[in-house]
Amino acid sequence: MIERIIYRFFAPAGALLADHNHFRGINLVRFGANLNIMLDRKDYEGISVLDQYNFSIDMYHSITNIKKSRALTGNWNW
């Protein structure tokens, strides 16, 4: 009985932390003015959830850096 519990709950948890696994992962989308406009899309699957998290944070930081650079290079009319 305890073997079933260990296999059923702890084996998938360990697989999620493995470098390569068979889980679907996440799909990140950056939308534009509305939901019909997709500006950026990334699909992370078969990798560790920790790597998925790091890639998601990197994608977020790249988006905020793009917004900051656009704001700084905008047209200034005084």
PDB file of N, CA and C in Angstrom:
ATOM      1  N   MET A   1       0.816  -1.194   0.000  1.00  0.00           N
ATOM      2  CA  MET A   1       0.000   0.000   0.000  1.00  0.00           C
ATOM      3  C   MET A   1       0.867   1.268   0.000  1.00  0.00           C
ATOM      4  N   ILE A   2       1.867   1.304   0.846  1.00  0.00           N
ATOM      5  CA  ILE A   2       2.720   2.486   0.919  1.00  0.00           C
ATOM      6  C   ILE A   2       3.501   2.675  -0.375  1.00  0.00           C
ATOM      7  N   GLU A   3       3.835   1.567  -1.054  1.00  0.00           N
ATOM      8  CA  GLU A   3       4.551   1.671  -2.326  1.00  0.00           C
ATOM      9  C   GLU A   3       3.688   2.374  -3.374  1.00  0.00           C
ATOM     10  N   ARG A   4       2.400   2.085  -3.374  1.00  0.00           N
ATOM     11  CA  ARG A   4       1.498   2.742  -4.324  1.00  0.00           C
ATOM     12  C   ARG A   4       1.425   4.244  -4.059  1.00  0.00           C
ATOM     13  N   ILE A   5       1.345   4.593  -2.794  1.00  0.00           N
ATOM     14  CA  ILE A   5       1.273   6.011  -2.431  1.00  0.00           C
ATOM     15  C   ILE A   5       2.555   6.719  -2.845  1.00  0.00           C
ATOM     16  N   ILE A   6       3.685   6.102  -2.579  1.00  0.00           N
ATOM     17  CA  ILE A   6       4.966   6.706  -2.958  1.00  0.00           C
ATOM     18  C   ILE A   6       5.056   6.853  -4.469  1.00  0.00           C
ATOM     19  N   TYR A   7       4.704   5.801  -5.210  1.00  0.00           N
ATOM     20  CA  TYR A   7       4.806   5.863  -6.670  1.00  0.00           C
ATOM     21  C   TYR A   7       3.819   6.865  -7.250  1.00  0.00           C
ATOM     22  N   ARG A   8       2.601   6.901  -6.698  1.00  0.00           N
ATOM     23  CA  ARG A   8       1.558   7.742  -7.274  1.00  0.00           C
ATOM     24  C   ARG A   8       1.799   9.231  -7.043  1.00  0.00           C
ATOM     25  N   PHE A   9       2.339   9.607  -5.893  1.00  0.00           N
ATOM     26  CA  PHE A   9       2.463  11.013  -5.557  1.00  0.00           C
ATOM     27  C   PHE A   9       3.890  11.550  -5.647  1.00  0.00           C
ATOM     28  N   PHE A  10       4.853  10.772  -5.228  1.00  0.00           N
ATOM     29  CA  PHE A  10       6.214  11.292  -5.173  1.00  0.00           C
ATOM     30  C   PHE A  10       6.973  11.114  -6.475  1.00  0.00           C
ATOM     31  N   ALA A  11       6.672  10.094  -7.256  1.00  0.00           N
ATOM     32  CA  ALA A  11       7.363   9.895  -8.526  1.00  0.00           C
ATOM     33  C   ALA A  11       7.050  11.024  -9.513  1.00  0.00           C
ATOM     34  N   PRO A  12       5.793  11.430  -9.689  1.00  0.00           N
ATOM     35  CA  PRO A  12       5.532  12.582 -10.570  1.00  0.00           C
ATOM     36  C   PRO A  12       6.145  13.884 -10.063  1.00  0.00           C
ATOM     37  N   ALA A  13       6.176  14.058  -8.751  1.00  0.00           N
ATOM     38  CA  ALA A  13       6.787  15.269  -8.197  1.00  0.00           C
ATOM     39  C   ALA A  13       8.282  15.296  -8.505  1.00  0.00           C
ATOM     40  N   GLY A  14       8.932  14.159  -8.401  1.00  0.00           N
ATOM     41  CA  GLY A  14      10.350  14.081  -8.757  1.00  0.00           C
ATOM     42  C   GLY A  14      10.572  14.282 -10.236  1.00  0.00           C
ATOM     43  N   ALA A  15       9.654  13.772 -11.050  1.00  0.00           N
ATOM     44  CA  ALA A  15       9.777  13.925 -12.502  1.00  0.00           C
ATOM     45  C   ALA A  15       9.630  15.388 -12.911  1.00  0.00           C
ATOM     46  N   LEU A  16       8.800  16.138 -12.204  1.00  0.00           N
ATOM     47  CA  LEU A  16       8.643  17.562 -12.517  1.00  0.00           C
ATOM     48  C   LEU A  16       9.935  18.334 -12.296  1.00  0.00           C
ATOM     49  N   LEU A  17      10.755  17.871 -11.366  1.00  0.00           N
ATOM     50  CA  LEU A  17      12.026  18.543 -11.090  1.00  0.00           C
ATOM     51  C   LEU A  17      13.173  18.003 -11.934  1.00  0.00           C
ATOM     52  N   ALA A  18      12.939  16.935 -12.684  1.00  0.00           N
ATOM     53  CA  ALA A  18      13.989  16.354 -13.522  1.00  0.00           C
ATOM     54  C   ALA A  18      14.287  17.275 -14.710  1.00  0.00           C
ATOM     55  N   ASP A  19      15.502  17.175 -15.241  1.00  0.00           N
ATOM     56  CA  ASP A  19      15.896  18.024 -16.375  1.00  0.00           C
ATOM     57  C   ASP A  19      15.059  17.735 -17.616  1.00  0.00           C
ATOM     58  N   HIS A  20      14.749  16.485 -17.847  1.00  0.00           N
ATOM     59  CA  HIS A  20      13.924  16.079 -18.991  1.00  0.00           C
ATOM     60  C   HIS A  20      12.786  15.219 -18.458  1.00  0.00           C
ATOM     61  N   ASN A  21      11.568  15.566 -18.842  1.00  0.00           N
ATOM     62  CA  ASN A  21      10.411  14.796 -18.403  1.00  0.00           C
ATOM     63  C   ASN A  21       9.381  14.746 -19.518  1.00  0.00           C
ATOM     64  N   HIS A  22       8.263  14.091 -19.251  1.00  0.00           N
ATOM     65  CA  HIS A  22       7.227  13.923 -20.274  1.00  0.00           C
ATOM     66  C   HIS A  22       5.996  14.793 -20.020  1.00  0.00           C
ATOM     67  N   PHE A  23       6.098  15.759 -19.135  1.00  0.00           N
ATOM     68  CA  PHE A  23       4.957  16.617 -18.837  1.00  0.00           C
ATOM     69  C   PHE A  23       4.843  17.746 -19.864  1.00  0.00           C
ATOM     70  N   ARG A  24       3.633  18.257 -20.016  1.00  0.00           N
ATOM     71  CA  ARG A  24       3.355  19.245 -21.058  1.00  0.00           C
ATOM     72  C   ARG A  24       4.046  20.568 -20.827  1.00  0.00           C
ATOM     73  N   GLY A  25       4.155  21.029 -19.618  1.00  0.00           N
ATOM     74  CA  GLY A  25       4.819  22.300 -19.363  1.00  0.00           C
ATOM     75  C   GLY A  25       3.859  23.462 -19.445  1.00  0.00           C
ATOM     76  N   ILE A  26       4.398  24.631 -19.799  1.00  0.00           N
ATOM     77  CA  ILE A  26       3.582  25.844 -19.844  1.00  0.00           C
ATOM     78  C   ILE A  26       3.688  26.502 -21.213  1.00  0.00           C
ATOM     79  N   ASN A  27       2.719  27.335 -21.491  1.00  0.00           N
ATOM     80  CA  ASN A  27       2.651  28.084 -22.731  1.00  0.00           C
ATOM     81  C   ASN A  27       2.434  29.541 -22.347  1.00  0.00           C
ATOM     82  N   LEU A  28       3.412  30.393 -22.627  1.00  0.00           N
ATOM     83  CA  LEU A  28       3.326  31.809 -22.275  1.00  0.00           C
ATOM     84  C   LEU A  28       2.962  32.625 -23.510  1.00  0.00           C
ATOM     85  N   VAL A  29       2.038  33.547 -23.329  1.00  0.00           N
ATOM     86  CA  VAL A  29       1.600  34.396 -24.432  1.00  0.00           C
ATOM     87  C   VAL A  29       1.581  35.837 -23.946  1.00  0.00           C
ATOM     88  N   ARG A  30       2.093  36.731 -24.771  1.00  0.00           N
ATOM     89  CA  ARG A  30       2.001  38.171 -24.495  1.00  0.00           C
ATOM     90  C   ARG A  30       1.040  38.760 -25.506  1.00  0.00           C
ATOM     91  N   PHE A  31      -0.032  39.355 -25.006  1.00  0.00           N
ATOM     92  CA  PHE A  31      -1.069  39.902 -25.872  1.00  0.00           C
ATOM     93  C   PHE A  31      -0.843  41.383 -26.129  1.00  0.00           C
ATOM     94  N   GLY A  32      -1.409  41.848 -27.232  1.00  0.00           N
ATOM     95  CA  GLY A  32      -1.323  43.250 -27.600  1.00  0.00           C
ATOM     96  C   GLY A  32      -2.500  44.032 -27.040  1.00  0.00           C
ATOM     97  N   ALA A  33      -3.102  44.855 -27.875  1.00  0.00           N
ATOM     98  CA  ALA A  33      -4.196  45.714 -27.437  1.00  0.00           C
ATOM     99  C   ALA A  33      -5.425  44.908 -27.035  1.00  0.00           C
ATOM    100  N   ASN A  34      -5.632  43.747 -27.652  1.00  0.00           N
ATOM    101  CA  ASN A  34      -6.738  42.877 -27.277  1.00  0.00           C
ATOM    102  C   ASN A  34      -6.278  41.418 -27.394  1.00  0.00           C
ATOM    103  N   LEU A  35      -7.172  40.500 -27.103  1.00  0.00           N
ATOM    104  CA  LEU A  35      -6.804  39.082 -27.097  1.00  0.00           C
ATOM    105  C   LEU A  35      -6.586  38.508 -28.498  1.00  0.00           C
ATOM    106  N   ASN A  36      -6.965  39.237 -29.523  1.00  0.00           N
ATOM    107  CA  ASN A  36      -6.757  38.770 -30.891  1.00  0.00           C
ATOM    108  C   ASN A  36      -5.339  39.021 -31.384  1.00  0.00           C
ATOM    109  N   ILE A  37      -4.600  39.863 -30.702  1.00  0.00           N
ATOM    110  CA  ILE A  37      -3.239  40.211 -31.102  1.00  0.00           C
ATOM    111  C   ILE A  37      -2.258  39.542 -30.156  1.00  0.00           C
ATOM    112  N   MET A  38      -1.505  38.577 -30.676  1.00  0.00           N
ATOM    113  CA  MET A  38      -0.482  37.902 -29.881  1.00  0.00           C
ATOM    114  C   MET A  38       0.876  38.431 -30.310  1.00  0.00           C
ATOM    115  N   LEU A  39       1.548  39.109 -29.400  1.00  0.00           N
ATOM    116  CA  LEU A  39       2.842  39.703 -29.714  1.00  0.00           C
ATOM    117  C   LEU A  39       3.994  38.721 -29.573  1.00  0.00           C
ATOM    118  N   ASP A  40       3.885  37.816 -28.614  1.00  0.00           N
ATOM    119  CA  ASP A  40       4.974  36.880 -28.352  1.00  0.00           C
ATOM    120  C   ASP A  40       4.385  35.614 -27.763  1.00  0.00           C
ATOM    121  N   ARG A  41       4.961  34.467 -28.138  1.00  0.00           N
ATOM    122  CA  ARG A  41       4.478  33.192 -27.611  1.00  0.00           C
ATOM    123  C   ARG A  41       5.650  32.250 -27.418  1.00  0.00           C
ATOM    124  N   LYS A  42       5.717  31.646 -26.258  1.00  0.00           N
ATOM    125  CA  LYS A  42       6.764  30.678 -25.931  1.00  0.00           C
ATOM    126  C   LYS A  42       6.106  29.429 -25.366  1.00  0.00           C
ATOM    127  N   ASP A  43       6.615  28.281 -25.756  1.00  0.00           N
ATOM    128  CA  ASP A  43       6.101  27.012 -25.277  1.00  0.00           C
ATOM    129  C   ASP A  43       7.244  26.249 -24.630  1.00  0.00           C
ATOM    130  N   TYR A  44       7.138  25.987 -23.349  1.00  0.00           N
ATOM    131  CA  TYR A  44       8.169  25.263 -22.614  1.00  0.00           C
ATOM    132  C   TYR A  44       7.592  23.933 -22.158  1.00  0.00           C
ATOM    133  N   GLU A  45       8.082  22.840 -22.710  1.00  0.00           N
ATOM    134  CA  GLU A  45       7.614  21.535 -22.276  1.00  0.00           C
ATOM    135  C   GLU A  45       8.763  20.538 -22.276  1.00  0.00           C
ATOM    136  N   GLY A  46       8.637  19.553 -21.411  1.00  0.00           N
ATOM    137  CA  GLY A  46       9.646  18.521 -21.313  1.00  0.00           C
ATOM    138  C   GLY A  46      10.881  18.927 -20.522  1.00  0.00           C
ATOM    139  N   ILE A  47      10.797  20.048 -19.804  1.00  0.00           N
ATOM    140  CA  ILE A  47      11.932  20.504 -19.001  1.00  0.00           C
ATOM    141  C   ILE A  47      11.471  20.692 -17.557  1.00  0.00           C
ATOM    142  N   SER A  48      12.393  20.907 -16.685  1.00  0.00           N
ATOM    143  CA  SER A  48      12.116  21.065 -15.263  1.00  0.00           C
ATOM    144  C   SER A  48      11.225  22.278 -15.010  1.00  0.00           C
ATOM    145  N   VAL A  49      10.384  22.175 -13.972  1.00  0.00           N
ATOM    146  CA  VAL A  49       9.540  23.327 -13.622  1.00  0.00           C
ATOM    147  C   VAL A  49      10.385  24.501 -13.152  1.00  0.00           C
ATOM    148  N   LEU A  50      11.553  24.225 -12.616  1.00  0.00           N
ATOM    149  CA  LEU A  50      12.443  25.314 -12.214  1.00  0.00           C
ATOM    150  C   LEU A  50      12.975  26.057 -13.436  1.00  0.00           C
ATOM    151  N   ASP A  51      13.315  25.320 -14.491  1.00  0.00           N
ATOM    152  CA  ASP A  51      13.740  25.960 -15.742  1.00  0.00           C
ATOM    153  C   ASP A  51      12.589  26.722 -16.381  1.00  0.00           C
ATOM    154  N   GLN A  52      11.387  26.155 -16.337  1.00  0.00           N
ATOM    155  CA  GLN A  52      10.223  26.854 -16.876  1.00  0.00           C
ATOM    156  C   GLN A  52      10.009  28.176 -16.138  1.00  0.00           C
ATOM    157  N   TYR A  53      10.169  28.150 -14.834  1.00  0.00           N
ATOM    158  CA  TYR A  53      10.025  29.368 -14.042  1.00  0.00           C
ATOM    159  C   TYR A  53      11.088  30.394 -14.429  1.00  0.00           C
ATOM    160  N   ASN A  54      12.329  29.959 -14.548  1.00  0.00           N
ATOM    161  CA  ASN A  54      13.408  30.885 -14.911  1.00  0.00           C
ATOM    162  C   ASN A  54      13.198  31.473 -16.298  1.00  0.00           C
ATOM    163  N   PHE A  55      12.767  30.654 -17.265  1.00  0.00           N
ATOM    164  CA  PHE A  55      12.503  31.161 -18.610  1.00  0.00           C
ATOM    165  C   PHE A  55      11.340  32.148 -18.601  1.00  0.00           C
ATOM    166  N   SER A  56      10.333  31.899 -17.761  1.00  0.00           N
ATOM    167  CA  SER A  56       9.197  32.818 -17.658  1.00  0.00           C
ATOM    168  C   SER A  56       9.636  34.162 -17.096  1.00  0.00           C
ATOM    169  N   ILE A  57      10.475  34.126 -16.071  1.00  0.00           N
ATOM    170  CA  ILE A  57      10.982  35.371 -15.484  1.00  0.00           C
ATOM    171  C   ILE A  57      11.842  36.119 -16.501  1.00  0.00           C
ATOM    172  N   ASP A  58      12.682  35.393 -17.248  1.00  0.00           N
ATOM    173  CA  ASP A  58      13.499  36.038 -18.286  1.00  0.00           C
ATOM    174  C   ASP A  58      12.634  36.684 -19.348  1.00  0.00           C
ATOM    175  N   MET A  59      11.550  36.013 -19.745  1.00  0.00           N
ATOM    176  CA  MET A  59      10.649  36.577 -20.748  1.00  0.00           C
ATOM    177  C   MET A  59       9.984  37.839 -20.207  1.00  0.00           C
ATOM    178  N   TYR A  60       9.580  37.816 -18.942  1.00  0.00           N
ATOM    179  CA  TYR A  60       8.965  38.997 -18.335  1.00  0.00           C
ATOM    180  C   TYR A  60       9.951  40.161 -18.283  1.00  0.00           C
ATOM    181  N   HIS A  61      11.187  39.887 -17.894  1.00  0.00           N
ATOM    182  CA  HIS A  61      12.180  40.963 -17.809  1.00  0.00           C
ATOM    183  C   HIS A  61      12.517  41.517 -19.195  1.00  0.00           C
ATOM    184  N   SER A  62      12.539  40.671 -20.204  1.00  0.00           N
ATOM    185  CA  SER A  62      12.816  41.180 -21.553  1.00  0.00           C
ATOM    186  C   SER A  62      11.678  42.062 -22.035  1.00  0.00           C
ATOM    187  N   ILE A  63      10.452  41.742 -21.662  1.00  0.00           N
ATOM    188  CA  ILE A  63       9.305  42.566 -22.047  1.00  0.00           C
ATOM    189  C   ILE A  63       9.368  43.912 -21.340  1.00  0.00           C
ATOM    190  N   THR A  64       9.679  43.922 -20.054  1.00  0.00           N
ATOM    191  CA  THR A  64       9.744  45.201 -19.331  1.00  0.00           C
ATOM    192  C   THR A  64      10.907  46.045 -19.822  1.00  0.00           C
ATOM    193  N   ASN A  65      12.010  45.421 -20.227  1.00  0.00           N
ATOM    194  CA  ASN A  65      13.130  46.176 -20.776  1.00  0.00           C
ATOM    195  C   ASN A  65      12.768  46.788 -22.117  1.00  0.00           C
ATOM    196  N   ILE A  66      12.000  46.074 -22.924  1.00  0.00           N
ATOM    197  CA  ILE A  66      11.562  46.618 -24.213  1.00  0.00           C
ATOM    198  C   ILE A  66      10.649  47.822 -23.977  1.00  0.00           C
ATOM    199  N   LYS A  67       9.728  47.712 -23.019  1.00  0.00           N
ATOM    200  CA  LYS A  67       8.824  48.822 -22.726  1.00  0.00           C
ATOM    201  C   LYS A  67       9.588  50.035 -22.220  1.00  0.00           C
ATOM    202  N   LYS A  68      10.591  49.811 -21.379  1.00  0.00           N
ATOM    203  CA  LYS A  68      11.385  50.922 -20.874  1.00  0.00           C
ATOM    204  C   LYS A  68      12.173  51.578 -21.995  1.00  0.00           C
ATOM    205  N   SER A  69      12.750  50.796 -22.906  1.00  0.00           N
ATOM    206  CA  SER A  69      13.525  51.384 -23.992  1.00  0.00           C
ATOM    207  C   SER A  69      12.620  52.139 -24.952  1.00  0.00           C
ATOM    208  N   ARG A  70      11.404  51.627 -25.179  1.00  0.00           N
ATOM    209  CA  ARG A  70      10.471  52.352 -26.030  1.00  0.00           C
ATOM    210  C   ARG A  70      10.058  53.663 -25.380  1.00  0.00           C
ATOM    211  N   ALA A  71       9.895  53.638 -24.071  1.00  0.00           N
ATOM    212  CA  ALA A  71       9.489  54.862 -23.380  1.00  0.00           C
ATOM    213  C   ALA A  71      10.610  55.889 -23.422  1.00  0.00           C
ATOM    214  N   LEU A  72      11.828  55.469 -23.363  1.00  0.00           N
ATOM    215  CA  LEU A  72      12.965  56.399 -23.373  1.00  0.00           C
ATOM    216  C   LEU A  72      13.274  56.917 -24.769  1.00  0.00           C
ATOM    217  N   THR A  73      13.015  56.136 -25.793  1.00  0.00           N
ATOM    218  CA  THR A  73      13.323  56.566 -27.154  1.00  0.00           C
ATOM    219  C   THR A  73      12.124  57.161 -27.865  1.00  0.00           C
ATOM    220  N   GLY A  74      11.073  57.483 -27.095  1.00  0.00           N
ATOM    221  CA  GLY A  74       9.874  58.042 -27.712  1.00  0.00           C
ATOM    222  C   GLY A  74      10.115  59.443 -28.259  1.00  0.00           C
ATOM    223  N   ASN A  75       9.117  59.959 -28.930  1.00  0.00           N
ATOM    224  CA  ASN A  75       9.199  61.279 -29.538  1.00  0.00           C
ATOM    225  C   ASN A  75       8.819  62.324 -28.483  1.00  0.00           C
ATOM    226  N   TRP A  76       9.782  63.174 -28.162  1.00  0.00           N
ATOM    227  CA  TRP A  76       9.555  64.197 -27.134  1.00  0.00           C
ATOM    228  C   TRP A  76       9.234  65.530 -27.794  1.00  0.00           C
ATOM    229  N   ASN A  77       8.023  65.999 -27.620  1.00  0.00           N
ATOM    230  CA  ASN A  77       7.603  67.290 -28.154  1.00  0.00           C
ATOM    231  C   ASN A  77       7.409  68.245 -26.994  1.00  0.00           C
ATOM    232  N   TRP A  78       8.319  69.187 -26.841  1.00  0.00           N
ATOM    233  CA  TRP A  78       8.216  70.139 -25.743  1.00  0.00           C
ATOM    234  C   TRP A  78       7.510  71.352 -26.202  1.00  0.00           C
TER     235      TRP A  78
END
